[in-house]
Amino acid sequence: MNSLQQWYNYTNPKQRILMYTVSGFLVLAWGIGLVPLVFLLYFHFGSEKEAVVHYDDNNPPPKGSPEYYDWANREGRWADRK
């Protein structure tokens, strides 16, 4: 007779039901806690991040792009108006 059978013989049904209920809730809580952790870790490390490009006088955006007009008018003038 192994130890699990001995334990089963020496415990009453109420003890076993309580133990299975408590351990079931612990497993459920652990699983529910793991889901957001995996979700957060994926979006922190796994998702691609968009590159942020900083334009200045030496690095203008391409002409004709929407960023170009914002960059050209940064001092209140249009760079392509001559």
PDB file of N, CA and C in Angstrom:
ATOM      1  N   MET A   1       0.853  -1.189   0.000  1.00  0.00           N
ATOM      2  CA  MET A   1       0.000   0.000   0.000  1.00  0.00           C
ATOM      3  C   MET A   1       0.894   1.246   0.000  1.00  0.00           C
ATOM      4  N   ASN A   2       0.675   2.133  -0.957  1.00  0.00           N
ATOM      5  CA  ASN A   2       1.528   3.321  -1.029  1.00  0.00           C
ATOM      6  C   ASN A   2       0.995   4.449  -0.135  1.00  0.00           C
ATOM      7  N   SER A   3       1.734   5.524  -0.066  1.00  0.00           N
ATOM      8  CA  SER A   3       1.381   6.590   0.875  1.00  0.00           C
ATOM      9  C   SER A   3       0.082   7.291   0.490  1.00  0.00           C
ATOM     10  N   LEU A   4      -0.212   7.379  -0.804  1.00  0.00           N
ATOM     11  CA  LEU A   4      -1.457   8.027  -1.221  1.00  0.00           C
ATOM     12  C   LEU A   4      -2.665   7.212  -0.764  1.00  0.00           C
ATOM     13  N   GLN A   5      -2.565   5.892  -0.871  1.00  0.00           N
ATOM     14  CA  GLN A   5      -3.666   5.036  -0.413  1.00  0.00           C
ATOM     15  C   GLN A   5      -3.824   5.131   1.099  1.00  0.00           C
ATOM     16  N   GLN A   6      -2.704   5.201   1.807  1.00  0.00           N
ATOM     17  CA  GLN A   6      -2.782   5.347   3.262  1.00  0.00           C
ATOM     18  C   GLN A   6      -3.440   6.675   3.631  1.00  0.00           C
ATOM     19  N   TRP A   7      -3.035   7.729   2.962  1.00  0.00           N
ATOM     20  CA  TRP A   7      -3.627   9.046   3.241  1.00  0.00           C
ATOM     21  C   TRP A   7      -5.125   9.006   2.979  1.00  0.00           C
ATOM     22  N   TYR A   8      -5.515   8.360   1.867  1.00  0.00           N
ATOM     23  CA  TYR A   8      -6.922   8.295   1.505  1.00  0.00           C
ATOM     24  C   TYR A   8      -7.714   7.504   2.554  1.00  0.00           C
ATOM     25  N   ASN A   9      -7.113   6.448   3.091  1.00  0.00           N
ATOM     26  CA  ASN A   9      -7.811   5.638   4.097  1.00  0.00           C
ATOM     27  C   ASN A   9      -7.944   6.357   5.433  1.00  0.00           C
ATOM     28  N   TYR A  10      -6.979   7.233   5.770  1.00  0.00           N
ATOM     29  CA  TYR A  10      -6.988   7.869   7.089  1.00  0.00           C
ATOM     30  C   TYR A  10      -7.601   9.258   7.093  1.00  0.00           C
ATOM     31  N   THR A  11      -8.151   9.700   5.982  1.00  0.00           N
ATOM     32  CA  THR A  11      -8.836  11.000   5.965  1.00  0.00           C
ATOM     33  C   THR A  11     -10.315  10.760   5.696  1.00  0.00           C
ATOM     34  N   ASN A  12     -11.142  11.639   6.256  1.00  0.00           N
ATOM     35  CA  ASN A  12     -12.568  11.479   5.989  1.00  0.00           C
ATOM     36  C   ASN A  12     -12.947  12.300   4.744  1.00  0.00           C
ATOM     37  N   PRO A  13     -14.097  12.033   4.175  1.00  0.00           N
ATOM     38  CA  PRO A  13     -14.473  12.701   2.923  1.00  0.00           C
ATOM     39  C   PRO A  13     -14.511  14.232   3.019  1.00  0.00           C
ATOM     40  N   LYS A  14     -14.924  14.778   4.181  1.00  0.00           N
ATOM     41  CA  LYS A  14     -14.971  16.236   4.313  1.00  0.00           C
ATOM     42  C   LYS A  14     -13.563  16.842   4.212  1.00  0.00           C
ATOM     43  N   GLN A  15     -12.574  16.194   4.820  1.00  0.00           N
ATOM     44  CA  GLN A  15     -11.195  16.680   4.721  1.00  0.00           C
ATOM     45  C   GLN A  15     -10.715  16.656   3.272  1.00  0.00           C
ATOM     46  N   ARG A  16     -11.029  15.576   2.562  1.00  0.00           N
ATOM     47  CA  ARG A  16     -10.585  15.460   1.179  1.00  0.00           C
ATOM     48  C   ARG A  16     -11.258  16.514   0.292  1.00  0.00           C
ATOM     49  N   ILE A  17     -12.557  16.718   0.481  1.00  0.00           N
ATOM     50  CA  ILE A  17     -13.269  17.722  -0.323  1.00  0.00           C
ATOM     51  C   ILE A  17     -12.692  19.110  -0.059  1.00  0.00           C
ATOM     52  N   LEU A  18     -12.439  19.415   1.208  1.00  0.00           N
ATOM     53  CA  LEU A  18     -11.853  20.713   1.552  1.00  0.00           C
ATOM     54  C   LEU A  18     -10.469  20.871   0.928  1.00  0.00           C
ATOM     55  N   MET A  19      -9.649  19.817   1.009  1.00  0.00           N
ATOM     56  CA  MET A  19      -8.302  19.892   0.449  1.00  0.00           C
ATOM     57  C   MET A  19      -8.337  20.079  -1.066  1.00  0.00           C
ATOM     58  N   TYR A  20      -9.199  19.314  -1.748  1.00  0.00           N
ATOM     59  CA  TYR A  20      -9.287  19.449  -3.207  1.00  0.00           C
ATOM     60  C   TYR A  20      -9.843  20.815  -3.601  1.00  0.00           C
ATOM     61  N   THR A  21     -10.772  21.342  -2.830  1.00  0.00           N
ATOM     62  CA  THR A  21     -11.331  22.664  -3.126  1.00  0.00           C
ATOM     63  C   THR A  21     -10.264  23.753  -2.966  1.00  0.00           C
ATOM     64  N   VAL A  22      -9.548  23.708  -1.851  1.00  0.00           N
ATOM     65  CA  VAL A  22      -8.503  24.714  -1.604  1.00  0.00           C
ATOM     66  C   VAL A  22      -7.402  24.612  -2.662  1.00  0.00           C
ATOM     67  N   SER A  23      -6.944  23.407  -2.947  1.00  0.00           N
ATOM     68  CA  SER A  23      -5.872  23.268  -3.939  1.00  0.00           C
ATOM     69  C   SER A  23      -6.380  23.655  -5.329  1.00  0.00           C
ATOM     70  N   GLY A  24      -7.648  23.379  -5.634  1.00  0.00           N
ATOM     71  CA  GLY A  24      -8.223  23.788  -6.920  1.00  0.00           C
ATOM     72  C   GLY A  24      -8.252  25.299  -7.057  1.00  0.00           C
ATOM     73  N   PHE A  25      -8.652  25.999  -5.989  1.00  0.00           N
ATOM     74  CA  PHE A  25      -8.659  27.459  -6.029  1.00  0.00           C
ATOM     75  C   PHE A  25      -7.248  28.024  -6.159  1.00  0.00           C
ATOM     76  N   LEU A  26      -6.278  27.386  -5.497  1.00  0.00           N
ATOM     77  CA  LEU A  26      -4.889  27.848  -5.620  1.00  0.00           C
ATOM     78  C   LEU A  26      -4.377  27.692  -7.054  1.00  0.00           C
ATOM     79  N   VAL A  27      -4.675  26.549  -7.670  1.00  0.00           N
ATOM     80  CA  VAL A  27      -4.257  26.330  -9.058  1.00  0.00           C
ATOM     81  C   VAL A  27      -4.953  27.322  -9.979  1.00  0.00           C
ATOM     82  N   LEU A  28      -6.244  27.565  -9.747  1.00  0.00           N
ATOM     83  CA  LEU A  28      -7.005  28.518 -10.558  1.00  0.00           C
ATOM     84  C   LEU A  28      -6.449  29.934 -10.407  1.00  0.00           C
ATOM     85  N   ALA A  29      -6.156  30.346  -9.177  1.00  0.00           N
ATOM     86  CA  ALA A  29      -5.607  31.683  -8.943  1.00  0.00           C
ATOM     87  C   ALA A  29      -4.227  31.829  -9.585  1.00  0.00           C
ATOM     88  N   TRP A  30      -3.438  30.784  -9.510  1.00  0.00           N
ATOM     89  CA  TRP A  30      -2.108  30.811 -10.135  1.00  0.00           C
ATOM     90  C   TRP A  30      -2.243  30.956 -11.647  1.00  0.00           C
ATOM     91  N   GLY A  31      -3.178  30.202 -12.239  1.00  0.00           N
ATOM     92  CA  GLY A  31      -3.399  30.282 -13.687  1.00  0.00           C
ATOM     93  C   GLY A  31      -3.923  31.633 -14.115  1.00  0.00           C
ATOM     94  N   ILE A  32      -4.860  32.196 -13.348  1.00  0.00           N
ATOM     95  CA  ILE A  32      -5.414  33.517 -13.685  1.00  0.00           C
ATOM     96  C   ILE A  32      -4.331  34.584 -13.534  1.00  0.00           C
ATOM     97  N   GLY A  33      -3.464  34.431 -12.559  1.00  0.00           N
ATOM     98  CA  GLY A  33      -2.377  35.390 -12.377  1.00  0.00           C
ATOM     99  C   GLY A  33      -1.317  35.274 -13.457  1.00  0.00           C
ATOM    100  N   LEU A  34      -1.191  34.091 -14.035  1.00  0.00           N
ATOM    101  CA  LEU A  34      -0.185  33.866 -15.070  1.00  0.00           C
ATOM    102  C   LEU A  34      -0.580  34.488 -16.407  1.00  0.00           C
ATOM    103  N   VAL A  35      -1.875  34.536 -16.685  1.00  0.00           N
ATOM    104  CA  VAL A  35      -2.342  35.055 -17.979  1.00  0.00           C
ATOM    105  C   VAL A  35      -1.941  36.523 -18.173  1.00  0.00           C
ATOM    106  N   PRO A  36      -2.245  37.437 -17.230  1.00  0.00           N
ATOM    107  CA  PRO A  36      -1.819  38.826 -17.439  1.00  0.00           C
ATOM    108  C   PRO A  36      -0.297  38.982 -17.475  1.00  0.00           C
ATOM    109  N   LEU A  37       0.400  38.145 -16.702  1.00  0.00           N
ATOM    110  CA  LEU A  37       1.858  38.221 -16.695  1.00  0.00           C
ATOM    111  C   LEU A  37       2.417  37.887 -18.076  1.00  0.00           C
ATOM    112  N   VAL A  38       1.929  36.818 -18.678  1.00  0.00           N
ATOM    113  CA  VAL A  38       2.379  36.438 -20.019  1.00  0.00           C
ATOM    114  C   VAL A  38       1.998  37.521 -21.025  1.00  0.00           C
ATOM    115  N   PHE A  39       0.785  38.049 -20.906  1.00  0.00           N
ATOM    116  CA  PHE A  39       0.302  39.113 -21.797  1.00  0.00           C
ATOM    117  C   PHE A  39       1.206  40.350 -21.700  1.00  0.00           C
ATOM    118  N   LEU A  40       1.514  40.779 -20.482  1.00  0.00           N
ATOM    119  CA  LEU A  40       2.357  41.958 -20.290  1.00  0.00           C
ATOM    120  C   LEU A  40       3.784  41.718 -20.775  1.00  0.00           C
ATOM    121  N   LEU A  41       4.317  40.543 -20.493  1.00  0.00           N
ATOM    122  CA  LEU A  41       5.670  40.237 -20.953  1.00  0.00           C
ATOM    123  C   LEU A  41       5.744  40.205 -22.473  1.00  0.00           C
ATOM    124  N   TYR A  42       4.712  39.664 -23.117  1.00  0.00           N
ATOM    125  CA  TYR A  42       4.709  39.623 -24.582  1.00  0.00           C
ATOM    126  C   TYR A  42       4.729  41.036 -25.155  1.00  0.00           C
ATOM    127  N   PHE A  43       3.870  41.911 -24.627  1.00  0.00           N
ATOM    128  CA  PHE A  43       3.811  43.257 -25.191  1.00  0.00           C
ATOM    129  C   PHE A  43       4.995  44.109 -24.777  1.00  0.00           C
ATOM    130  N   HIS A  44       5.677  43.727 -23.700  1.00  0.00           N
ATOM    131  CA  HIS A  44       6.863  44.488 -23.312  1.00  0.00           C
ATOM    132  C   HIS A  44       8.074  44.080 -24.149  1.00  0.00           C
ATOM    133  N   PHE A  45       8.262  42.773 -24.347  1.00  0.00           N
ATOM    134  CA  PHE A  45       9.446  42.295 -25.046  1.00  0.00           C
ATOM    135  C   PHE A  45       9.175  41.850 -26.481  1.00  0.00           C
ATOM    136  N   GLY A  46       7.952  41.406 -26.781  1.00  0.00           N
ATOM    137  CA  GLY A  46       7.706  40.753 -28.049  1.00  0.00           C
ATOM    138  C   GLY A  46       7.200  41.645 -29.165  1.00  0.00           C
ATOM    139  N   SER A  47       6.514  42.720 -28.828  1.00  0.00           N
ATOM    140  CA  SER A  47       5.914  43.515 -29.891  1.00  0.00           C
ATOM    141  C   SER A  47       6.955  44.460 -30.502  1.00  0.00           C
ATOM    142  N   GLU A  48       6.779  44.725 -31.777  1.00  0.00           N
ATOM    143  CA  GLU A  48       7.719  45.624 -32.457  1.00  0.00           C
ATOM    144  C   GLU A  48       7.428  47.062 -32.043  1.00  0.00           C
ATOM    145  N   LYS A  49       8.482  47.795 -31.808  1.00  0.00           N
ATOM    146  CA  LYS A  49       8.314  49.198 -31.430  1.00  0.00           C
ATOM    147  C   LYS A  49       8.596  50.080 -32.650  1.00  0.00           C
ATOM    148  N   GLU A  50       7.791  51.119 -32.780  1.00  0.00           N
ATOM    149  CA  GLU A  50       7.957  52.014 -33.908  1.00  0.00           C
ATOM    150  C   GLU A  50       9.158  52.924 -33.652  1.00  0.00           C
ATOM    151  N   ALA A  51       9.984  53.094 -34.659  1.00  0.00           N
ATOM    152  CA  ALA A  51      11.169  53.936 -34.509  1.00  0.00           C
ATOM    153  C   ALA A  51      10.753  55.403 -34.465  1.00  0.00           C
ATOM    154  N   VAL A  52      11.357  56.155 -33.562  1.00  0.00           N
ATOM    155  CA  VAL A  52      11.085  57.581 -33.467  1.00  0.00           C
ATOM    156  C   VAL A  52      12.253  58.306 -34.125  1.00  0.00           C
ATOM    157  N   VAL A  53      11.944  59.073 -35.166  1.00  0.00           N
ATOM    158  CA  VAL A  53      12.981  59.801 -35.898  1.00  0.00           C
ATOM    159  C   VAL A  53      12.874  61.273 -35.518  1.00  0.00           C
ATOM    160  N   HIS A  54      13.991  61.854 -35.105  1.00  0.00           N
ATOM    161  CA  HIS A  54      14.020  63.270 -34.756  1.00  0.00           C
ATOM    162  C   HIS A  54      14.649  64.045 -35.911  1.00  0.00           C
ATOM    163  N   TYR A  55      13.855  64.939 -36.500  1.00  0.00           N
ATOM    164  CA  TYR A  55      14.342  65.741 -37.616  1.00  0.00           C
ATOM    165  C   TYR A  55      14.911  67.054 -37.091  1.00  0.00           C
ATOM    166  N   ASP A  56      16.018  67.501 -37.700  1.00  0.00           N
ATOM    167  CA  ASP A  56      16.569  68.813 -37.372  1.00  0.00           C
ATOM    168  C   ASP A  56      17.124  69.426 -38.651  1.00  0.00           C
ATOM    169  N   ASP A  57      17.903  70.507 -38.527  1.00  0.00           N
ATOM    170  CA  ASP A  57      18.414  71.198 -39.710  1.00  0.00           C
ATOM    171  C   ASP A  57      19.298  70.302 -40.563  1.00  0.00           C
ATOM    172  N   ASN A  58      20.030  69.392 -39.932  1.00  0.00           N
ATOM    173  CA  ASN A  58      20.924  68.511 -40.678  1.00  0.00           C
ATOM    174  C   ASN A  58      20.248  67.226 -41.140  1.00  0.00           C
ATOM    175  N   ASN A  59      19.040  66.985 -40.677  1.00  0.00           N
ATOM    176  CA  ASN A  59      18.336  65.745 -41.005  1.00  0.00           C
ATOM    177  C   ASN A  59      16.871  66.064 -41.337  1.00  0.00           C
ATOM    178  N   PRO A  60      16.615  66.652 -42.523  1.00  0.00           N
ATOM    179  CA  PRO A  60      15.227  66.990 -42.858  1.00  0.00           C
ATOM    180  C   PRO A  60      14.449  65.746 -43.297  1.00  0.00           C
ATOM    181  N   PRO A  61      13.125  65.750 -43.093  1.00  0.00           N
ATOM    182  CA  PRO A  61      12.316  64.643 -43.600  1.00  0.00           C
ATOM    183  C   PRO A  61      12.228  64.705 -45.125  1.00  0.00           C
ATOM    184  N   PRO A  62      11.797  63.633 -45.767  1.00  0.00           N
ATOM    185  CA  PRO A  62      11.698  63.660 -47.236  1.00  0.00           C
ATOM    186  C   PRO A  62      10.702  64.712 -47.718  1.00  0.00           C
ATOM    187  N   LYS A  63      11.047  65.402 -48.817  1.00  0.00           N
ATOM    188  CA  LYS A  63      10.148  66.430 -49.359  1.00  0.00           C
ATOM    189  C   LYS A  63       8.841  65.798 -49.798  1.00  0.00           C
ATOM    190  N   GLY A  64       7.757  66.502 -49.527  1.00  0.00           N
ATOM    191  CA  GLY A  64       6.439  66.022 -49.914  1.00  0.00           C
ATOM    192  C   GLY A  64       5.747  65.198 -48.832  1.00  0.00           C
ATOM    193  N   SER A  65       6.478  64.768 -47.814  1.00  0.00           N
ATOM    194  CA  SER A  65       5.846  63.998 -46.736  1.00  0.00           C
ATOM    195  C   SER A  65       5.144  64.957 -45.766  1.00  0.00           C
ATOM    196  N   PRO A  66       4.132  64.494 -45.059  1.00  0.00           N
ATOM    197  CA  PRO A  66       3.443  65.383 -44.098  1.00  0.00           C
ATOM    198  C   PRO A  66       4.388  65.945 -43.044  1.00  0.00           C
ATOM    199  N   GLU A  67       5.394  65.136 -42.663  1.00  0.00           N
ATOM    200  CA  GLU A  67       6.351  65.627 -41.662  1.00  0.00           C
ATOM    201  C   GLU A  67       7.193  66.776 -42.215  1.00  0.00           C
ATOM    202  N   TYR A  68       7.376  66.801 -43.548  1.00  0.00           N
ATOM    203  CA  TYR A  68       8.217  67.836 -44.139  1.00  0.00           C
ATOM    204  C   TYR A  68       7.618  69.221 -43.921  1.00  0.00           C
ATOM    205  N   TYR A  69       6.299  69.324 -44.076  1.00  0.00           N
ATOM    206  CA  TYR A  69       5.676  70.649 -43.942  1.00  0.00           C
ATOM    207  C   TYR A  69       5.696  71.122 -42.495  1.00  0.00           C
ATOM    208  N   ASP A  70       5.541  70.190 -41.556  1.00  0.00           N
ATOM    209  CA  ASP A  70       5.682  70.573 -40.143  1.00  0.00           C
ATOM    210  C   ASP A  70       7.116  71.009 -39.850  1.00  0.00           C
ATOM    211  N   TRP A  71       8.070  70.281 -40.401  1.00  0.00           N
ATOM    212  CA  TRP A  71       9.477  70.606 -40.170  1.00  0.00           C
ATOM    213  C   TRP A  71       9.832  71.948 -40.827  1.00  0.00           C
ATOM    214  N   ALA A  72       9.333  72.146 -42.060  1.00  0.00           N
ATOM    215  CA  ALA A  72       9.670  73.363 -42.794  1.00  0.00           C
ATOM    216  C   ALA A  72       9.044  74.596 -42.144  1.00  0.00           C
ATOM    217  N   ASN A  73       7.904  74.446 -41.524  1.00  0.00           N
ATOM    218  CA  ASN A  73       7.189  75.577 -40.934  1.00  0.00           C
ATOM    219  C   ASN A  73       7.480  75.715 -39.445  1.00  0.00           C
ATOM    220  N   ARG A  74       8.561  75.097 -38.954  1.00  0.00           N
ATOM    221  CA  ARG A  74       8.833  75.129 -37.516  1.00  0.00           C
ATOM    222  C   ARG A  74       9.144  76.522 -37.006  1.00  0.00           C
ATOM    223  N   GLU A  75       9.578  77.413 -37.909  1.00  0.00           N
ATOM    224  CA  GLU A  75       9.818  78.794 -37.490  1.00  0.00           C
ATOM    225  C   GLU A  75       8.828  79.738 -38.156  1.00  0.00           C
ATOM    226  N   GLY A  76       7.729  79.199 -38.652  1.00  0.00           N
ATOM    227  CA  GLY A  76       6.683  80.037 -39.238  1.00  0.00           C
ATOM    228  C   GLY A  76       6.902  80.367 -40.702  1.00  0.00           C
ATOM    229  N   ARG A  77       7.691  79.576 -41.419  1.00  0.00           N
ATOM    230  CA  ARG A  77       7.897  79.822 -42.836  1.00  0.00           C
ATOM    231  C   ARG A  77       7.899  78.498 -43.580  1.00  0.00           C
ATOM    232  N   TRP A  78       7.617  78.570 -44.899  1.00  0.00           N
ATOM    233  CA  TRP A  78       7.652  77.366 -45.724  1.00  0.00           C
ATOM    234  C   TRP A  78       8.993  77.298 -46.409  1.00  0.00           C
ATOM    235  N   ALA A  79       9.689  76.163 -46.230  1.00  0.00           N
ATOM    236  CA  ALA A  79      11.037  76.043 -46.780  1.00  0.00           C
ATOM    237  C   ALA A  79      11.027  75.929 -48.303  1.00  0.00           C
ATOM    238  N   ASP A  80       9.958  75.378 -48.878  1.00  0.00           N
ATOM    239  CA  ASP A  80       9.955  75.202 -50.334  1.00  0.00           C
ATOM    240  C   ASP A  80       9.335  76.392 -51.073  1.00  0.00           C
ATOM    241  N   ARG A  81       9.015  77.476 -50.369  1.00  0.00           N
ATOM    242  CA  ARG A  81       8.488  78.672 -51.034  1.00  0.00           C
ATOM    243  C   ARG A  81       9.666  79.602 -51.341  1.00  0.00           C
ATOM    244  N   LYS A  82       9.921  79.835 -52.634  1.00  0.00           N
ATOM    245  CA  LYS A  82      11.048  80.705 -52.996  1.00  0.00           C
ATOM    246  C   LYS A  82      10.654  81.645 -54.098  1.00  0.00           C
TER     247      LYS A  82
END
